[in-house]
Amino acid sequence: ANSVFGHDSVMEEFSSFMTCVTVGGGARIGAYASLNIGSVVVNNATVGEHSIIAAGAVVVKDIPPFSLAMGLPARVVRTREPGEKYL
């Protein structure tokens, strides 16, 4: 899907990414996290479990669990509730 997953990175259970996502080396994608179209996670950054990274966002620092992050650089715009739907 024209995506890149860098060396020594970890993608935990049930996490997903869409087309054109780039994940740098040493990154960690938490369980149930979702990286949307064209998003980027830089080297050694963590996306917390159950977090959503918006299309085109660039994660340059850790994103806490249960967050919705967007922008360049990505910033948390709100916290998600446990069990909240992704769409």
C-alpha atoms as a PDB file:
ATOM      1  CA  ALA A   1       0.000   0.000   0.000  1.00  0.00           C
ATOM      2  CA  ASN A   2       3.002   2.271  -0.663  1.00  0.00           C
ATOM      3  CA  SER A   3       3.772   2.466   3.062  1.00  0.00           C
ATOM      4  CA  VAL A   4       7.097   2.158   4.892  1.00  0.00           C
ATOM      5  CA  PHE A   5       7.663   0.564   8.303  1.00  0.00           C
ATOM      6  CA  GLY A   6      11.144   1.319   9.654  1.00  0.00           C
ATOM      7  CA  HIS A   7      13.731  -0.955  11.246  1.00  0.00           C
ATOM      8  CA  ASP A   8      13.326  -2.033  14.878  1.00  0.00           C
ATOM      9  CA  SER A   9       9.797  -0.603  15.028  1.00  0.00           C
ATOM     10  CA  VAL A  10       6.969  -2.380  16.826  1.00  0.00           C
ATOM     11  CA  MET A  11       3.363  -2.542  15.722  1.00  0.00           C
ATOM     12  CA  GLU A  12       1.179  -3.980  18.473  1.00  0.00           C
ATOM     13  CA  GLU A  13      -1.931  -6.117  18.038  1.00  0.00           C
ATOM     14  CA  PHE A  14      -4.878  -4.791  16.059  1.00  0.00           C
ATOM     15  CA  SER A  15      -3.125  -1.546  15.104  1.00  0.00           C
ATOM     16  CA  SER A  16      -3.467  -0.470  11.484  1.00  0.00           C
ATOM     17  CA  PHE A  17      -2.246   1.964   8.894  1.00  0.00           C
ATOM     18  CA  MET A  18      -3.597   3.187   5.588  1.00  0.00           C
ATOM     19  CA  THR A  19      -1.944   3.970   2.254  1.00  0.00           C
ATOM     20  CA  CYS A  20       1.249   6.081   2.107  1.00  0.00           C
ATOM     21  CA  VAL A  21       2.045   5.930   5.838  1.00  0.00           C
ATOM     22  CA  THR A  22       5.700   6.238   6.869  1.00  0.00           C
ATOM     23  CA  VAL A  23       6.938   4.949  10.216  1.00  0.00           C
ATOM     24  CA  GLY A  24      10.562   5.663  11.063  1.00  0.00           C
ATOM     25  CA  GLY A  25      12.983   3.317  12.787  1.00  0.00           C
ATOM     26  CA  GLY A  26      12.538   2.429  16.432  1.00  0.00           C
ATOM     27  CA  ALA A  27       8.947   3.697  16.582  1.00  0.00           C
ATOM     28  CA  ARG A  28       6.183   2.009  18.569  1.00  0.00           C
ATOM     29  CA  ILE A  29       2.571   1.845  17.429  1.00  0.00           C
ATOM     30  CA  GLY A  30       0.318   0.844  20.326  1.00  0.00           C
ATOM     31  CA  ALA A  31      -2.465  -1.715  20.258  1.00  0.00           C
ATOM     32  CA  TYR A  32      -5.608  -0.641  18.383  1.00  0.00           C
ATOM     33  CA  ALA A  33      -3.958   2.570  17.131  1.00  0.00           C
ATOM     34  CA  SER A  34      -4.835   3.809  13.644  1.00  0.00           C
ATOM     35  CA  LEU A  35      -2.527   5.772  11.323  1.00  0.00           C
ATOM     36  CA  ASN A  36      -4.464   7.380   8.494  1.00  0.00           C
ATOM     37  CA  ILE A  37      -3.544   8.168   4.888  1.00  0.00           C
ATOM     38  CA  GLY A  38      -0.183   9.879   4.431  1.00  0.00           C
ATOM     39  CA  SER A  39       0.644  10.208   8.117  1.00  0.00           C
ATOM     40  CA  VAL A  40       4.265  10.051   9.307  1.00  0.00           C
ATOM     41  CA  VAL A  41       5.766   8.871  12.602  1.00  0.00           C
ATOM     42  CA  VAL A  42       9.399   9.923  13.053  1.00  0.00           C
ATOM     43  CA  ASN A  43      12.160   7.709  14.443  1.00  0.00           C
ATOM     44  CA  ASN A  44      11.705   6.560  18.050  1.00  0.00           C
ATOM     45  CA  ALA A  45       8.273   8.185  18.532  1.00  0.00           C
ATOM     46  CA  THR A  46       5.399   6.309  20.171  1.00  0.00           C
ATOM     47  CA  VAL A  47       1.732   6.376  19.258  1.00  0.00           C
ATOM     48  CA  GLY A  48      -0.225   5.248  22.314  1.00  0.00           C
ATOM     49  CA  GLU A  49      -2.809   2.497  22.261  1.00  0.00           C
ATOM     50  CA  HIS A  50      -6.288   3.330  20.938  1.00  0.00           C
ATOM     51  CA  SER A  51      -4.979   6.592  19.425  1.00  0.00           C
ATOM     52  CA  ILE A  52      -5.866   7.921  15.992  1.00  0.00           C
ATOM     53  CA  ILE A  53      -3.421   9.878  13.843  1.00  0.00           C
ATOM     54  CA  ALA A  54      -5.221  11.986  11.244  1.00  0.00           C
ATOM     55  CA  ALA A  55      -4.468  11.938   7.526  1.00  0.00           C
ATOM     56  CA  GLY A  56      -1.278  13.849   6.693  1.00  0.00           C
ATOM     57  CA  ALA A  57      -0.253  14.356  10.321  1.00  0.00           C
ATOM     58  CA  VAL A  58       3.431  14.201  11.273  1.00  0.00           C
ATOM     59  CA  VAL A  59       4.146  12.715  14.702  1.00  0.00           C
ATOM     60  CA  VAL A  60       7.411  14.198  16.030  1.00  0.00           C
ATOM     61  CA  LYS A  61       6.880  13.433  19.727  1.00  0.00           C
ATOM     62  CA  ASP A  62       5.060  10.744  21.673  1.00  0.00           C
ATOM     63  CA  ILE A  63       1.270  10.692  21.451  1.00  0.00           C
ATOM     64  CA  PRO A  64      -0.438   9.491  24.640  1.00  0.00           C
ATOM     65  CA  PRO A  65      -2.952   6.622  24.679  1.00  0.00           C
ATOM     66  CA  PHE A  66      -6.586   7.358  23.733  1.00  0.00           C
ATOM     67  CA  SER A  67      -5.732  10.510  21.754  1.00  0.00           C
ATOM     68  CA  LEU A  68      -6.833  12.033  18.469  1.00  0.00           C
ATOM     69  CA  ALA A  69      -3.842  13.859  16.958  1.00  0.00           C
ATOM     70  CA  MET A  70      -3.606  15.920  13.790  1.00  0.00           C
ATOM     71  CA  GLY A  71      -1.492  18.578  12.123  1.00  0.00           C
ATOM     72  CA  LEU A  72       2.114  19.252  11.272  1.00  0.00           C
ATOM     73  CA  PRO A  73       3.557  18.664  13.775  1.00  0.00           C
ATOM     74  CA  ALA A  74       0.833  16.418  15.150  1.00  0.00           C
ATOM     75  CA  ARG A  75      -0.774  17.637  18.341  1.00  0.00           C
ATOM     76  CA  VAL A  76      -3.481  16.087  20.470  1.00  0.00           C
ATOM     77  CA  VAL A  77      -6.785  17.820  19.745  1.00  0.00           C
ATOM     78  CA  ARG A  78      -8.859  15.711  22.106  1.00  0.00           C
ATOM     79  CA  THR A  79      -8.912  12.593  24.234  1.00  0.00           C
ATOM     80  CA  ARG A  80     -10.912   9.571  23.099  1.00  0.00           C
ATOM     81  CA  GLU A  81     -13.238   7.651  25.404  1.00  0.00           C
ATOM     82  CA  PRO A  82     -12.708   3.897  25.892  1.00  0.00           C
ATOM     83  CA  GLY A  83     -14.975   2.061  23.444  1.00  0.00           C
ATOM     84  CA  GLU A  84     -15.441   5.125  21.216  1.00  0.00           C
ATOM     85  CA  LYS A  85     -15.814   4.266  17.521  1.00  0.00           C
ATOM     86  CA  TYR A  86     -13.020   5.199  15.129  1.00  0.00           C
ATOM     87  CA  LEU A  87     -15.293   6.657  12.460  1.00  0.00           C
END
